[in-house]
Amino acid sequence: MDTMIDLHCDTISRLKEGETLLHDNLSVDVEKMEKNHKSTSCFAMFVMKSEVKSPWTRVNELHDRFKTEMEKCSGRIRQVRTV
């Protein structure tokens, strides 16, 4: 497979209870990215403002989930914070 760069990945926002970033039924997970060997994904914390009471609270919940998922997959995936 060719190098993949996904600049808007909604996986974190769409993970359901019991699913993990390591393996899910969505388009992007760590196992799929490892098969590609050269993957970059910008994980988006998408919140539909009209569907939640507090968008700020929801985005913080998503960010906490993102950090938890990154810890679970440490050694297999890492967050790039600079270019």
Protein backbone atom coordinates (compact mmCIF):
# COMPACT_ATOMS: atom_id res chain seq x y z
CA MET A 1 0.00 0.00 0.00
CA ASP A 2 1.15 3.56 -0.65
CA THR A 3 1.97 6.07 2.06
CA MET A 4 -1.19 7.37 3.65
CA ILE A 5 -1.67 10.77 5.26
CA ASP A 6 -5.11 11.35 6.74
CA LEU A 7 -5.48 15.00 7.75
CA HIS A 8 -8.89 14.64 9.38
CA CYS A 9 -9.48 11.32 11.11
CA ASP A 10 -12.76 11.11 13.08
CA THR A 11 -11.94 7.72 14.63
CA ILE A 12 -11.58 9.03 18.21
CA SER A 13 -14.96 10.77 17.98
CA ARG A 14 -16.60 7.63 16.60
CA LEU A 15 -15.17 4.95 18.89
CA LYS A 16 -17.91 3.09 20.71
CA GLU A 17 -17.75 1.44 24.13
CA GLY A 18 -15.50 -1.60 23.90
CA GLU A 19 -13.72 -0.42 20.74
CA THR A 20 -10.12 0.71 20.88
CA LEU A 21 -7.75 2.60 18.65
CA LEU A 22 -5.77 -0.64 18.37
CA HIS A 23 -8.65 -2.41 16.59
CA ASP A 24 -12.08 -1.15 15.61
CA ASN A 25 -14.62 -1.52 12.83
CA LEU A 26 -13.91 1.96 11.48
CA SER A 27 -11.59 2.96 8.63
CA VAL A 28 -8.54 3.73 10.80
CA ASP A 29 -6.97 1.77 13.64
CA VAL A 30 -3.40 0.95 14.67
CA GLU A 31 -3.49 -2.53 13.15
CA LYS A 32 -4.54 -1.13 9.76
CA MET A 33 -1.91 1.61 9.97
CA GLU A 34 0.80 -0.96 10.79
CA LYS A 35 -0.13 -2.96 7.70
CA ASN A 36 0.42 0.23 5.69
CA HIS A 37 3.87 0.77 7.31
CA LYS A 38 3.87 4.47 6.45
CA SER A 39 0.83 6.17 7.94
CA THR A 40 0.14 9.55 9.44
CA SER A 41 -3.23 10.49 10.87
CA CYS A 42 -4.37 13.76 12.38
CA PHE A 43 -6.99 12.66 14.88
CA ALA A 44 -9.84 15.15 15.05
CA MET A 45 -11.92 15.75 18.16
CA PHE A 46 -15.15 16.46 16.27
CA VAL A 47 -18.16 17.62 18.27
CA MET A 48 -21.57 18.33 16.81
CA LYS A 49 -22.53 21.40 18.81
CA SER A 50 -26.27 20.79 18.43
CA GLU A 51 -25.99 17.24 19.86
CA VAL A 52 -24.34 17.97 23.20
CA LYS A 53 -25.11 20.16 26.19
CA SER A 54 -21.53 21.39 26.51
CA PRO A 55 -19.22 21.15 23.48
CA TRP A 56 -16.23 22.06 25.69
CA THR A 57 -16.97 19.19 28.07
CA ARG A 58 -17.40 16.77 25.16
CA VAL A 59 -14.15 17.77 23.45
CA ASN A 60 -12.33 17.31 26.76
CA GLU A 61 -13.86 13.84 27.10
CA LEU A 62 -12.65 13.03 23.59
CA HIS A 63 -9.18 14.35 24.37
CA ASP A 64 -9.04 12.18 27.51
CA ARG A 65 -10.07 9.18 25.39
CA PHE A 66 -7.39 10.05 22.84
CA LYS A 67 -4.71 10.14 25.57
CA THR A 68 -5.95 6.83 27.00
CA GLU A 69 -5.90 5.18 23.58
CA MET A 70 -2.41 6.51 22.87
CA GLU A 71 -1.19 5.03 26.19
CA LYS A 72 -2.76 1.65 25.35
CA CYS A 73 -0.94 1.66 22.01
CA SER A 74 2.39 3.07 23.22
CA GLY A 75 5.27 1.48 21.35
CA ARG A 76 3.05 1.02 18.31
CA ILE A 77 1.93 4.60 17.68
CA ARG A 78 3.12 8.01 18.81
CA GLN A 79 1.87 11.54 18.77
CA VAL A 80 3.84 14.02 16.70
CA ARG A 81 3.72 17.44 18.31
CA THR A 82 6.07 19.37 16.00
CA VAL A 83 7.11 19.30 12.37
